[in-house]
């Protein structure tokens, strides 16, 4: 999951498609250059035999608006590699207050970081 998050953050479409299970891989996929991915939090991860599930939260910013993508992703292992099958995504808009921790993950207050 971390490698796929990094690929989204870098816009590495080739890696994203290569790590996607063929039966669910889209024919075409484009990243949005306006979306900046900031933090990934893996809530839980479990694997049974050649199947796995990762529950994560990923924070992004697009056009000045903060979002949190929460997903339970399903993976399959083949030949020592994990392939993304699908997930159940929920996108939430964040509204950080001035004194809230900054969603970028810096640890600073929002007003002293990205909100300043």
PDB file of N, CA and C in Angstrom:
ATOM      1  N   UNK A   1       0.834  -1.194   0.000  1.00  0.00           N
ATOM      2  CA  UNK A   1       0.000   0.000   0.000  1.00  0.00           C
ATOM      3  C   UNK A   1       0.872   1.248   0.000  1.00  0.00           C
ATOM      4  N   UNK A   2       1.940   1.214   0.780  1.00  0.00           N
ATOM      5  CA  UNK A   2       2.812   2.389   0.829  1.00  0.00           C
ATOM      6  C   UNK A   2       3.433   2.681  -0.534  1.00  0.00           C
ATOM      7  N   UNK A   3       3.799   1.649  -1.259  1.00  0.00           N
ATOM      8  CA  UNK A   3       4.406   1.884  -2.580  1.00  0.00           C
ATOM      9  C   UNK A   3       3.379   2.472  -3.544  1.00  0.00           C
ATOM     10  N   UNK A   4       2.123   2.049  -3.449  1.00  0.00           N
ATOM     11  CA  UNK A   4       1.086   2.610  -4.324  1.00  0.00           C
ATOM     12  C   UNK A   4       0.794   4.061  -3.950  1.00  0.00           C
ATOM     13  N   UNK A   5       0.790   4.377  -2.647  1.00  0.00           N
ATOM     14  CA  UNK A   5       0.595   5.757  -2.218  1.00  0.00           C
ATOM     15  C   UNK A   5       1.719   6.633  -2.782  1.00  0.00           C
ATOM     16  N   UNK A   6       2.967   6.153  -2.671  1.00  0.00           N
ATOM     17  CA  UNK A   6       4.101   6.907  -3.218  1.00  0.00           C
ATOM     18  C   UNK A   6       3.962   7.103  -4.720  1.00  0.00           C
ATOM     19  N   UNK A   7       3.474   6.076  -5.407  1.00  0.00           N
ATOM     20  CA  UNK A   7       3.273   6.191  -6.856  1.00  0.00           C
ATOM     21  C   UNK A   7       2.198   7.228  -7.173  1.00  0.00           C
ATOM     22  N   UNK A   8       1.124   7.264  -6.398  1.00  0.00           N
ATOM     23  CA  UNK A   8       0.101   8.302  -6.591  1.00  0.00           C
ATOM     24  C   UNK A   8       0.716   9.673  -6.355  1.00  0.00           C
ATOM     25  N   UNK A   9       1.503   9.817  -5.293  1.00  0.00           N
ATOM     26  CA  UNK A   9       2.101  11.110  -4.953  1.00  0.00           C
ATOM     27  C   UNK A   9       3.066  11.586  -6.043  1.00  0.00           C
ATOM     28  N   UNK A  10       3.790  10.661  -6.679  1.00  0.00           N
ATOM     29  CA  UNK A  10       4.741  11.015  -7.724  1.00  0.00           C
ATOM     30  C   UNK A  10       4.126  11.043  -9.119  1.00  0.00           C
ATOM     31  N   UNK A  11       2.889  10.533  -9.244  1.00  0.00           N
ATOM     32  CA  UNK A  11       2.265  10.459 -10.566  1.00  0.00           C
ATOM     33  C   UNK A  11       2.840   9.344 -11.416  1.00  0.00           C
ATOM     34  N   UNK A  12       3.304   8.271 -10.768  1.00  0.00           N
ATOM     35  CA  UNK A  12       3.922   7.141 -11.461  1.00  0.00           C
ATOM     36  C   UNK A  12       2.842   6.171 -11.957  1.00  0.00           C
ATOM     37  N   UNK A  13       2.220   6.512 -13.067  1.00  0.00           N
ATOM     38  CA  UNK A  13       1.114   5.736 -13.638  1.00  0.00           C
ATOM     39  C   UNK A  13       1.555   4.323 -14.017  1.00  0.00           C
ATOM     40  N   UNK A  14       2.757   4.179 -14.561  1.00  0.00           N
ATOM     41  CA  UNK A  14       3.254   2.855 -14.960  1.00  0.00           C
ATOM     42  C   UNK A  14       3.266   1.899 -13.772  1.00  0.00           C
ATOM     43  N   UNK A  15       3.754   2.357 -12.619  1.00  0.00           N
ATOM     44  CA  UNK A  15       3.800   1.489 -11.437  1.00  0.00           C
ATOM     45  C   UNK A  15       2.387   1.158 -10.957  1.00  0.00           C
ATOM     46  N   UNK A  16       1.516   2.166 -10.940  1.00  0.00           N
ATOM     47  CA  UNK A  16       0.144   1.918 -10.483  1.00  0.00           C
ATOM     48  C   UNK A  16      -0.526   0.854 -11.337  1.00  0.00           C
ATOM     49  N   UNK A  17      -0.392   0.949 -12.637  1.00  0.00           N
ATOM     50  CA  UNK A  17      -1.011  -0.041 -13.523  1.00  0.00           C
ATOM     51  C   UNK A  17      -0.350  -1.410 -13.384  1.00  0.00           C
ATOM     52  N   UNK A  18       0.970  -1.438 -13.215  1.00  0.00           N
ATOM     53  CA  UNK A  18       1.682  -2.716 -13.080  1.00  0.00           C
ATOM     54  C   UNK A  18       1.330  -3.426 -11.775  1.00  0.00           C
ATOM     55  N   UNK A  19       0.955  -2.673 -10.740  1.00  0.00           N
ATOM     56  CA  UNK A  19       0.620  -3.278  -9.450  1.00  0.00           C
ATOM     57  C   UNK A  19      -0.888  -3.484  -9.275  1.00  0.00           C
ATOM     58  N   UNK A  20      -1.634  -3.325 -10.345  1.00  0.00           N
ATOM     59  CA  UNK A  20      -3.093  -3.483 -10.341  1.00  0.00           C
ATOM     60  C   UNK A  20      -3.416  -4.857 -10.917  1.00  0.00           C
ATOM     61  N   UNK A  21      -4.313  -5.608 -10.278  1.00  0.00           N
ATOM     62  CA  UNK A  21      -4.703  -6.927 -10.780  1.00  0.00           C
ATOM     63  C   UNK A  21      -5.299  -6.776 -12.179  1.00  0.00           C
ATOM     64  N   UNK A  22      -4.903  -7.615 -13.128  1.00  0.00           N
ATOM     65  CA  UNK A  22      -5.359  -7.469 -14.515  1.00  0.00           C
ATOM     66  C   UNK A  22      -6.881  -7.467 -14.674  1.00  0.00           C
ATOM     67  N   UNK A  23      -7.581  -8.227 -13.857  1.00  0.00           N
ATOM     68  CA  UNK A  23      -9.038  -8.324 -14.019  1.00  0.00           C
ATOM     69  C   UNK A  23      -9.788  -7.068 -13.579  1.00  0.00           C
ATOM     70  N   UNK A  24      -9.155  -6.199 -12.808  1.00  0.00           N
ATOM     71  CA  UNK A  24      -9.818  -4.964 -12.381  1.00  0.00           C
ATOM     72  C   UNK A  24      -9.070  -3.713 -12.838  1.00  0.00           C
ATOM     73  N   UNK A  25      -7.941  -3.889 -13.512  1.00  0.00           N
ATOM     74  CA  UNK A  25      -7.133  -2.761 -13.987  1.00  0.00           C
ATOM     75  C   UNK A  25      -7.905  -1.995 -15.053  1.00  0.00           C
ATOM     76  N   UNK A  26      -7.972  -0.667 -14.909  1.00  0.00           N
ATOM     77  CA  UNK A  26      -8.635   0.120 -15.954  1.00  0.00           C
ATOM     78  C   UNK A  26      -7.800   0.140 -17.233  1.00  0.00           C
ATOM     79  N   UNK A  27      -8.474   0.264 -18.348  1.00  0.00           N
ATOM     80  CA  UNK A  27      -7.768   0.334 -19.627  1.00  0.00           C
ATOM     81  C   UNK A  27      -6.911   1.601 -19.701  1.00  0.00           C
ATOM     82  N   UNK A  28      -7.434   2.686 -19.123  1.00  0.00           N
ATOM     83  CA  UNK A  28      -6.712   3.958 -19.102  1.00  0.00           C
ATOM     84  C   UNK A  28      -6.821   4.531 -17.701  1.00  0.00           C
ATOM     85  N   UNK A  29      -5.762   5.191 -17.291  1.00  0.00           N
ATOM     86  CA  UNK A  29      -5.748   5.794 -15.956  1.00  0.00           C
ATOM     87  C   UNK A  29      -4.852   7.019 -16.020  1.00  0.00           C
ATOM     88  N   UNK A  30      -5.317   8.102 -15.470  1.00  0.00           N
ATOM     89  CA  UNK A  30      -4.519   9.333 -15.448  1.00  0.00           C
ATOM     90  C   UNK A  30      -4.553   9.909 -14.037  1.00  0.00           C
ATOM     91  N   UNK A  31      -3.411  10.370 -13.577  1.00  0.00           N
ATOM     92  CA  UNK A  31      -3.390  11.023 -12.277  1.00  0.00           C
ATOM     93  C   UNK A  31      -3.798  12.479 -12.464  1.00  0.00           C
ATOM     94  N   UNK A  32      -4.240  13.086 -11.389  1.00  0.00           N
ATOM     95  CA  UNK A  32      -4.634  14.487 -11.429  1.00  0.00           C
ATOM     96  C   UNK A  32      -3.464  15.318 -10.903  1.00  0.00           C
ATOM     97  N   UNK A  33      -2.809  16.081 -11.756  1.00  0.00           N
ATOM     98  CA  UNK A  33      -1.645  16.855 -11.303  1.00  0.00           C
ATOM     99  C   UNK A  33      -2.008  17.929 -10.276  1.00  0.00           C
ATOM    100  N   UNK A  34      -3.286  18.265 -10.147  1.00  0.00           N
ATOM    101  CA  UNK A  34      -3.718  19.260  -9.172  1.00  0.00           C
ATOM    102  C   UNK A  34      -3.814  18.681  -7.761  1.00  0.00           C
ATOM    103  N   UNK A  35      -3.836  17.353  -7.646  1.00  0.00           N
ATOM    104  CA  UNK A  35      -3.947  16.706  -6.340  1.00  0.00           C
ATOM    105  C   UNK A  35      -2.563  16.479  -5.762  1.00  0.00           C
ATOM    106  N   UNK A  36      -2.361  16.987  -4.553  1.00  0.00           N
ATOM    107  CA  UNK A  36      -1.107  16.785  -3.830  1.00  0.00           C
ATOM    108  C   UNK A  36      -1.385  15.829  -2.674  1.00  0.00           C
ATOM    109  N   UNK A  37      -0.741  14.675  -2.680  1.00  0.00           N
ATOM    110  CA  UNK A  37      -0.911  13.690  -1.610  1.00  0.00           C
ATOM    111  C   UNK A  37       0.086  14.010  -0.511  1.00  0.00           C
ATOM    112  N   UNK A  38      -0.395  14.047   0.742  1.00  0.00           N
ATOM    113  CA  UNK A  38       0.450  14.469   1.854  1.00  0.00           C
ATOM    114  C   UNK A  38       0.788  13.357   2.832  1.00  0.00           C
ATOM    115  N   UNK A  39      -0.206  12.684   3.366  1.00  0.00           N
ATOM    116  CA  UNK A  39       0.077  11.679   4.403  1.00  0.00           C
ATOM    117  C   UNK A  39      -0.713  10.401   4.156  1.00  0.00           C
ATOM    118  N   UNK A  40      -0.109   9.315   4.590  1.00  0.00           N
ATOM    119  CA  UNK A  40      -0.754   8.001   4.549  1.00  0.00           C
ATOM    120  C   UNK A  40      -0.684   7.415   5.948  1.00  0.00           C
ATOM    121  N   UNK A  41      -1.825   6.973   6.452  1.00  0.00           N
ATOM    122  CA  UNK A  41      -1.887   6.268   7.729  1.00  0.00           C
ATOM    123  C   UNK A  41      -2.499   4.908   7.476  1.00  0.00           C
ATOM    124  N   UNK A  42      -1.737   3.864   7.744  1.00  0.00           N
ATOM    125  CA  UNK A  42      -2.272   2.514   7.627  1.00  0.00           C
ATOM    126  C   UNK A  42      -2.941   2.186   8.958  1.00  0.00           C
ATOM    127  N   UNK A  43      -4.261   2.028   8.921  1.00  0.00           N
ATOM    128  CA  UNK A  43      -5.035   1.743  10.130  1.00  0.00           C
ATOM    129  C   UNK A  43      -4.871   0.276  10.518  1.00  0.00           C
ATOM    130  N   UNK A  44      -4.963  -0.602   9.525  1.00  0.00           N
ATOM    131  CA  UNK A  44      -4.770  -2.034   9.779  1.00  0.00           C
ATOM    132  C   UNK A  44      -4.388  -2.718   8.470  1.00  0.00           C
ATOM    133  N   UNK A  45      -3.720  -3.839   8.619  1.00  0.00           N
ATOM    134  CA  UNK A  45      -3.342  -4.648   7.464  1.00  0.00           C
ATOM    135  C   UNK A  45      -3.362  -6.104   7.910  1.00  0.00           C
ATOM    136  N   UNK A  46      -3.923  -6.950   7.063  1.00  0.00           N
ATOM    137  CA  UNK A  46      -3.943  -8.375   7.379  1.00  0.00           C
ATOM    138  C   UNK A  46      -3.778  -9.168   6.097  1.00  0.00           C
ATOM    139  N   UNK A  47      -3.138 -10.317   6.228  1.00  0.00           N
ATOM    140  CA  UNK A  47      -2.935 -11.191   5.077  1.00  0.00           C
ATOM    141  C   UNK A  47      -3.244 -12.623   5.488  1.00  0.00           C
ATOM    142  N   UNK A  48      -3.961 -13.316   4.614  1.00  0.00           N
ATOM    143  CA  UNK A  48      -4.286 -14.725   4.789  1.00  0.00           C
ATOM    144  C   UNK A  48      -3.922 -15.431   3.504  1.00  0.00           C
ATOM    145  N   UNK A  49      -2.921 -16.295   3.569  1.00  0.00           N
ATOM    146  CA  UNK A  49      -2.439 -16.991   2.376  1.00  0.00           C
ATOM    147  C   UNK A  49      -2.020 -15.962   1.329  1.00  0.00           C
ATOM    148  N   UNK A  50      -2.678 -15.958   0.189  1.00  0.00           N
ATOM    149  CA  UNK A  50      -2.299 -15.058  -0.898  1.00  0.00           C
ATOM    150  C   UNK A  50      -3.263 -13.887  -1.029  1.00  0.00           C
ATOM    151  N   UNK A  51      -4.054 -13.621   0.007  1.00  0.00           N
ATOM    152  CA  UNK A  51      -4.999 -12.492  -0.005  1.00  0.00           C
ATOM    153  C   UNK A  51      -4.669 -11.549   1.137  1.00  0.00           C
ATOM    154  N   UNK A  52      -4.936 -10.282   0.930  1.00  0.00           N
ATOM    155  CA  UNK A  52      -4.686  -9.309   1.973  1.00  0.00           C
ATOM    156  C   UNK A  52      -5.669  -8.159   1.911  1.00  0.00           C
ATOM    157  N   UNK A  53      -5.788  -7.441   3.025  1.00  0.00           N
ATOM    158  CA  UNK A  53      -6.640  -6.262   3.083  1.00  0.00           C
ATOM    159  C   UNK A  53      -5.911  -5.184   3.868  1.00  0.00           C
ATOM    160  N   UNK A  54      -5.962  -3.958   3.363  1.00  0.00           N
ATOM    161  CA  UNK A  54      -5.343  -2.818   4.028  1.00  0.00           C
ATOM    162  C   UNK A  54      -6.404  -1.741   4.210  1.00  0.00           C
ATOM    163  N   UNK A  55      -6.565  -1.293   5.453  1.00  0.00           N
ATOM    164  CA  UNK A  55      -7.463  -0.179   5.761  1.00  0.00           C
ATOM    165  C   UNK A  55      -6.559   1.029   5.982  1.00  0.00           C
ATOM    166  N   UNK A  56      -6.757   2.085   5.186  1.00  0.00           N
ATOM    167  CA  UNK A  56      -5.866   3.243   5.271  1.00  0.00           C
ATOM    168  C   UNK A  56      -6.629   4.550   5.185  1.00  0.00           C
ATOM    169  N   UNK A  57      -5.941   5.618   5.591  1.00  0.00           N
ATOM    170  CA  UNK A  57      -6.401   6.999   5.443  1.00  0.00           C
ATOM    171  C   UNK A  57      -5.311   7.746   4.694  1.00  0.00           C
ATOM    172  N   UNK A  58      -5.674   8.456   3.647  1.00  0.00           N
ATOM    173  CA  UNK A  58      -4.712   9.235   2.874  1.00  0.00           C
ATOM    174  C   UNK A  58      -5.233  10.666   2.755  1.00  0.00           C
ATOM    175  N   UNK A  59      -4.399  11.613   3.123  1.00  0.00           N
ATOM    176  CA  UNK A  59      -4.791  13.026   3.098  1.00  0.00           C
ATOM    177  C   UNK A  59      -4.206  13.687   1.853  1.00  0.00           C
ATOM    178  N   UNK A  60      -5.079  14.434   1.168  1.00  0.00           N
ATOM    179  CA  UNK A  60      -4.654  15.139  -0.040  1.00  0.00           C
ATOM    180  C   UNK A  60      -5.187  16.566  -0.027  1.00  0.00           C
ATOM    181  N   UNK A  61      -4.626  17.369  -0.926  1.00  0.00           N
ATOM    182  CA  UNK A  61      -5.075  18.749  -1.098  1.00  0.00           C
ATOM    183  C   UNK A  61      -5.238  19.001  -2.584  1.00  0.00           C
ATOM    184  N   UNK A  62      -6.382  19.584  -2.936  1.00  0.00           N
ATOM    185  CA  UNK A  62      -6.665  19.897  -4.330  1.00  0.00           C
ATOM    186  C   UNK A  62      -7.394  21.226  -4.389  1.00  0.00           C
ATOM    187  N   UNK A  63      -6.858  22.143  -5.180  1.00  0.00           N
ATOM    188  CA  UNK A  63      -7.456  23.472  -5.338  1.00  0.00           C
ATOM    189  C   UNK A  63      -7.710  24.152  -3.993  1.00  0.00           C
ATOM    190  N   UNK A  64      -6.763  24.008  -3.057  1.00  0.00           N
ATOM    191  CA  UNK A  64      -6.872  24.656  -1.750  1.00  0.00           C
ATOM    192  C   UNK A  64      -7.781  23.955  -0.765  1.00  0.00           C
ATOM    193  N   UNK A  65      -8.383  22.850  -1.153  1.00  0.00           N
ATOM    194  CA  UNK A  65      -9.307  22.110  -0.282  1.00  0.00           C
ATOM    195  C   UNK A  65      -8.650  20.812   0.168  1.00  0.00           C
ATOM    196  N   UNK A  66      -8.779  20.496   1.460  1.00  0.00           N
ATOM    197  CA  UNK A  66      -8.212  19.273   2.027  1.00  0.00           C
ATOM    198  C   UNK A  66      -9.236  18.144   1.979  1.00  0.00           C
ATOM    199  N   UNK A  67      -8.740  16.929   1.727  1.00  0.00           N
ATOM    200  CA  UNK A  67      -9.606  15.749   1.660  1.00  0.00           C
ATOM    201  C   UNK A  67      -8.940  14.583   2.381  1.00  0.00           C
ATOM    202  N   UNK A  68      -9.770  13.668   2.852  1.00  0.00           N
ATOM    203  CA  UNK A  68      -9.269  12.428   3.434  1.00  0.00           C
ATOM    204  C   UNK A  68      -9.932  11.268   2.688  1.00  0.00           C
ATOM    205  N   UNK A  69      -9.113  10.419   2.104  1.00  0.00           N
ATOM    206  CA  UNK A  69      -9.592   9.219   1.432  1.00  0.00           C
ATOM    207  C   UNK A  69      -9.413   8.065   2.402  1.00  0.00           C
ATOM    208  N   UNK A  70     -10.514   7.430   2.768  1.00  0.00           N
ATOM    209  CA  UNK A  70     -10.461   6.239   3.616  1.00  0.00           C
ATOM    210  C   UNK A  70     -10.884   5.065   2.757  1.00  0.00           C
ATOM    211  N   UNK A  71     -10.100   4.007   2.805  1.00  0.00           N
ATOM    212  CA  UNK A  71     -10.407   2.858   1.955  1.00  0.00           C
ATOM    213  C   UNK A  71      -9.970   1.569   2.627  1.00  0.00           C
ATOM    214  N   UNK A  72     -10.727   0.531   2.357  1.00  0.00           N
ATOM    215  CA  UNK A  72     -10.342  -0.837   2.680  1.00  0.00           C
ATOM    216  C   UNK A  72     -10.034  -1.488   1.338  1.00  0.00           C
ATOM    217  N   UNK A  73      -8.739  -1.672   1.091  1.00  0.00           N
ATOM    218  CA  UNK A  73      -8.280  -2.191  -0.202  1.00  0.00           C
ATOM    219  C   UNK A  73      -8.017  -3.683  -0.099  1.00  0.00           C
ATOM    220  N   UNK A  74      -8.333  -4.387  -1.169  1.00  0.00           N
ATOM    221  CA  UNK A  74      -8.080  -5.825  -1.244  1.00  0.00           C
ATOM    222  C   UNK A  74      -6.938  -6.082  -2.218  1.00  0.00           C
ATOM    223  N   UNK A  75      -6.050  -6.988  -1.814  1.00  0.00           N
ATOM    224  CA  UNK A  75      -4.862  -7.327  -2.592  1.00  0.00           C
ATOM    225  C   UNK A  75      -4.747  -8.838  -2.760  1.00  0.00           C
ATOM    226  N   UNK A  76      -4.008  -9.223  -3.778  1.00  0.00           N
ATOM    227  CA  UNK A  76      -3.710 -10.638  -4.027  1.00  0.00           C
ATOM    228  C   UNK A  76      -2.207 -10.749  -4.279  1.00  0.00           C
ATOM    229  N   UNK A  77      -1.600 -11.798  -3.730  1.00  0.00           N
ATOM    230  CA  UNK A  77      -0.174 -12.013  -3.933  1.00  0.00           C
ATOM    231  C   UNK A  77       0.043 -13.082  -4.994  1.00  0.00           C
ATOM    232  N   UNK A  78       0.907 -12.763  -5.947  1.00  0.00           N
ATOM    233  CA  UNK A  78       1.290 -13.706  -7.011  1.00  0.00           C
ATOM    234  C   UNK A  78       2.771 -13.534  -7.283  1.00  0.00           C
ATOM    235  N   UNK A  79       3.487 -14.615  -7.304  1.00  0.00           N
ATOM    236  CA  UNK A  79       4.906 -14.570  -7.638  1.00  0.00           C
ATOM    237  C   UNK A  79       5.705 -13.630  -6.757  1.00  0.00           C
ATOM    238  N   UNK A  80       5.331 -13.518  -5.494  1.00  0.00           N
ATOM    239  CA  UNK A  80       6.052 -12.645  -4.575  1.00  0.00           C
ATOM    240  C   UNK A  80       5.675 -11.181  -4.653  1.00  0.00           C
ATOM    241  N   UNK A  81       4.693 -10.829  -5.489  1.00  0.00           N
ATOM    242  CA  UNK A  81       4.257  -9.436  -5.637  1.00  0.00           C
ATOM    243  C   UNK A  81       2.786  -9.308  -5.235  1.00  0.00           C
ATOM    244  N   UNK A  82       2.455  -8.167  -4.622  1.00  0.00           N
ATOM    245  CA  UNK A  82       1.070  -7.888  -4.248  1.00  0.00           C
ATOM    246  C   UNK A  82       0.420  -7.047  -5.339  1.00  0.00           C
ATOM    247  N   UNK A  83      -0.814  -7.410  -5.691  1.00  0.00           N
ATOM    248  CA  UNK A  83      -1.582  -6.701  -6.711  1.00  0.00           C
ATOM    249  C   UNK A  83      -2.881  -6.178  -6.112  1.00  0.00           C
ATOM    250  N   UNK A  84      -3.148  -4.898  -6.362  1.00  0.00           N
ATOM    251  CA  UNK A  84      -4.385  -4.263  -5.905  1.00  0.00           C
ATOM    252  C   UNK A  84      -5.550  -4.823  -6.706  1.00  0.00           C
ATOM    253  N   UNK A  85      -6.581  -5.304  -6.004  1.00  0.00           N
ATOM    254  CA  UNK A  85      -7.779  -5.822  -6.679  1.00  0.00           C
ATOM    255  C   UNK A  85      -8.839  -4.732  -6.741  1.00  0.00           C
ATOM    256  N   UNK A  86      -9.276  -4.271  -5.580  1.00  0.00           N
ATOM    257  CA  UNK A  86     -10.288  -3.219  -5.515  1.00  0.00           C
ATOM    258  C   UNK A  86     -10.373  -2.714  -4.078  1.00  0.00           C
ATOM    259  N   UNK A  87     -11.267  -1.765  -3.870  1.00  0.00           N
ATOM    260  CA  UNK A  87     -11.435  -1.201  -2.536  1.00  0.00           C
ATOM    261  C   UNK A  87     -12.774  -0.513  -2.400  1.00  0.00           C
ATOM    262  N   UNK A  88     -13.049  -0.115  -1.179  1.00  0.00           N
ATOM    263  CA  UNK A  88     -14.284   0.598  -0.859  1.00  0.00           C
ATOM    264  C   UNK A  88     -13.907   1.997  -0.387  1.00  0.00           C
ATOM    265  N   UNK A  89     -13.743   2.949  -1.328  1.00  0.00           N
ATOM    266  CA  UNK A  89     -13.273   4.287  -0.956  1.00  0.00           C
ATOM    267  C   UNK A  89     -14.389   5.196  -0.438  1.00  0.00           C
ATOM    268  N   UNK A  90     -14.032   6.030   0.542  1.00  0.00           N
ATOM    269  CA  UNK A  90     -14.920   7.070   1.054  1.00  0.00           C
ATOM    270  C   UNK A  90     -14.086   8.342   1.108  1.00  0.00           C
ATOM    271  N   UNK A  91     -14.508   9.372   0.378  1.00  0.00           N
ATOM    272  CA  UNK A  91     -13.785  10.642   0.340  1.00  0.00           C
ATOM    273  C   UNK A  91     -14.517  11.664   1.191  1.00  0.00           C
ATOM    274  N   UNK A  92     -13.795  12.268   2.133  1.00  0.00           N
ATOM    275  CA  UNK A  92     -14.362  13.255   3.042  1.00  0.00           C
ATOM    276  C   UNK A  92     -13.603  14.566   2.877  1.00  0.00           C
ATOM    277  N   UNK A  93     -14.330  15.683   2.859  1.00  0.00           N
ATOM    278  CA  UNK A  93     -13.701  16.998   2.825  1.00  0.00           C
ATOM    279  C   UNK A  93     -13.344  17.393   4.251  1.00  0.00           C
ATOM    280  N   UNK A  94     -12.125  17.861   4.435  1.00  0.00           N
ATOM    281  CA  UNK A  94     -11.663  18.282   5.758  1.00  0.00           C
ATOM    282  C   UNK A  94     -11.763  19.797   5.877  1.00  0.00           C
ATOM    283  N   UNK A  95     -12.088  20.262   7.077  1.00  0.00           N
ATOM    284  CA  UNK A  95     -12.141  21.698   7.354  1.00  0.00           C
ATOM    285  C   UNK A  95     -11.334  21.964   8.617  1.00  0.00           C
ATOM    286  N   UNK A  96     -10.006  22.000   8.501  1.00  0.00           N
ATOM    287  CA  UNK A  96      -9.184  22.197   9.694  1.00  0.00           C
ATOM    288  C   UNK A  96      -9.352  23.603  10.260  1.00  0.00           C
ATOM    289  N   UNK A  97      -9.447  23.687  11.578  1.00  0.00           N
ATOM    290  CA  UNK A  97      -9.505  24.978  12.256  1.00  0.00           C
ATOM    291  C   UNK A  97      -8.111  25.562  12.373  1.00  0.00           C
ATOM    292  N   UNK A  98      -8.028  26.840  12.679  1.00  0.00           N
ATOM    293  CA  UNK A  98      -6.727  27.509  12.767  1.00  0.00           C
ATOM    294  C   UNK A  98      -5.787  26.834  13.761  1.00  0.00           C
ATOM    295  N   UNK A  99      -6.321  26.342  14.869  1.00  0.00           N
ATOM    296  CA  UNK A  99      -5.488  25.745  15.900  1.00  0.00           C
ATOM    297  C   UNK A  99      -5.442  24.218  15.821  1.00  0.00           C
ATOM    298  N   UNK A 100      -6.026  23.657  14.766  1.00  0.00           N
ATOM    299  CA  UNK A 100      -5.982  22.206  14.563  1.00  0.00           C
ATOM    300  C   UNK A 100      -4.600  21.810  14.047  1.00  0.00           C
ATOM    301  N   UNK A 101      -4.208  20.550  14.268  1.00  0.00           N
ATOM    302  CA  UNK A 101      -2.967  20.088  13.629  1.00  0.00           C
ATOM    303  C   UNK A 101      -3.118  20.178  12.115  1.00  0.00           C
ATOM    304  N   UNK A 102      -2.069  20.577  11.431  1.00  0.00           N
ATOM    305  CA  UNK A 102      -2.131  20.718   9.981  1.00  0.00           C
ATOM    306  C   UNK A 102      -2.331  19.339   9.333  1.00  0.00           C
ATOM    307  N   UNK A 103      -3.252  19.225   8.390  1.00  0.00           N
ATOM    308  CA  UNK A 103      -3.493  17.936   7.733  1.00  0.00           C
ATOM    309  C   UNK A 103      -2.302  17.421   6.929  1.00  0.00           C
ATOM    310  N   UNK A 104      -1.316  18.285   6.639  1.00  0.00           N
ATOM    311  CA  UNK A 104      -0.162  17.851   5.844  1.00  0.00           C
ATOM    312  C   UNK A 104       0.729  16.888   6.619  1.00  0.00           C
ATOM    313  N   UNK A 105       0.526  16.805   7.940  1.00  0.00           N
ATOM    314  CA  UNK A 105       1.306  15.883   8.739  1.00  0.00           C
ATOM    315  C   UNK A 105       2.560  16.478   9.351  1.00  0.00           C
ATOM    316  N   UNK A 106       2.724  17.793   9.269  1.00  0.00           N
ATOM    317  CA  UNK A 106       3.939  18.443   9.787  1.00  0.00           C
ATOM    318  C   UNK A 106       4.013  18.431  11.311  1.00  0.00           C
ATOM    319  N   UNK A 107       2.850  18.336  11.967  1.00  0.00           N
ATOM    320  CA  UNK A 107       2.814  18.411  13.429  1.00  0.00           C
ATOM    321  C   UNK A 107       2.581  19.825  13.931  1.00  0.00           C
ATOM    322  N   UNK A 108       2.663  20.819  13.047  1.00  0.00           N
ATOM    323  CA  UNK A 108       2.429  22.211  13.422  1.00  0.00           C
ATOM    324  C   UNK A 108       0.933  22.510  13.371  1.00  0.00           C
ATOM    325  N   UNK A 109       0.555  23.607  14.018  1.00  0.00           N
ATOM    326  CA  UNK A 109      -0.831  24.051  13.923  1.00  0.00           C
ATOM    327  C   UNK A 109      -1.105  24.496  12.494  1.00  0.00           C
ATOM    328  N   UNK A 110      -2.344  24.319  12.069  1.00  0.00           N
ATOM    329  CA  UNK A 110      -2.747  24.679  10.708  1.00  0.00           C
ATOM    330  C   UNK A 110      -2.416  26.138  10.386  1.00  0.00           C
ATOM    331  N   UNK A 111      -2.674  27.047  11.329  1.00  0.00           N
ATOM    332  CA  UNK A 111      -2.439  28.479  11.068  1.00  0.00           C
ATOM    333  C   UNK A 111      -0.955  28.796  10.870  1.00  0.00           C
ATOM    334  N   UNK A 112      -0.057  27.986  11.412  1.00  0.00           N
ATOM    335  CA  UNK A 112       1.379  28.237  11.293  1.00  0.00           C
ATOM    336  C   UNK A 112       2.005  27.431  10.129  1.00  0.00           C
ATOM    337  N   UNK A 113       1.179  26.629   9.485  1.00  0.00           N
ATOM    338  CA  UNK A 113       1.714  25.772   8.414  1.00  0.00           C
ATOM    339  C   UNK A 113       0.991  26.093   7.112  1.00  0.00           C
ATOM    340  N   UNK A 114       0.191  25.175   6.615  1.00  0.00           N
ATOM    341  CA  UNK A 114      -0.472  25.341   5.323  1.00  0.00           C
ATOM    342  C   UNK A 114      -1.621  26.343   5.342  1.00  0.00           C
ATOM    343  N   UNK A 115      -2.116  26.681   6.526  1.00  0.00           N
ATOM    344  CA  UNK A 115      -3.231  27.629   6.612  1.00  0.00           C
ATOM    345  C   UNK A 115      -2.791  29.055   6.787  1.00  0.00           C
ATOM    346  N   UNK A 116      -1.490  29.297   6.816  1.00  0.00           N
ATOM    347  CA  UNK A 116      -0.969  30.643   7.077  1.00  0.00           C
ATOM    348  C   UNK A 116      -0.753  31.467   5.849  1.00  0.00           C
TER     349      UNK A 116
END
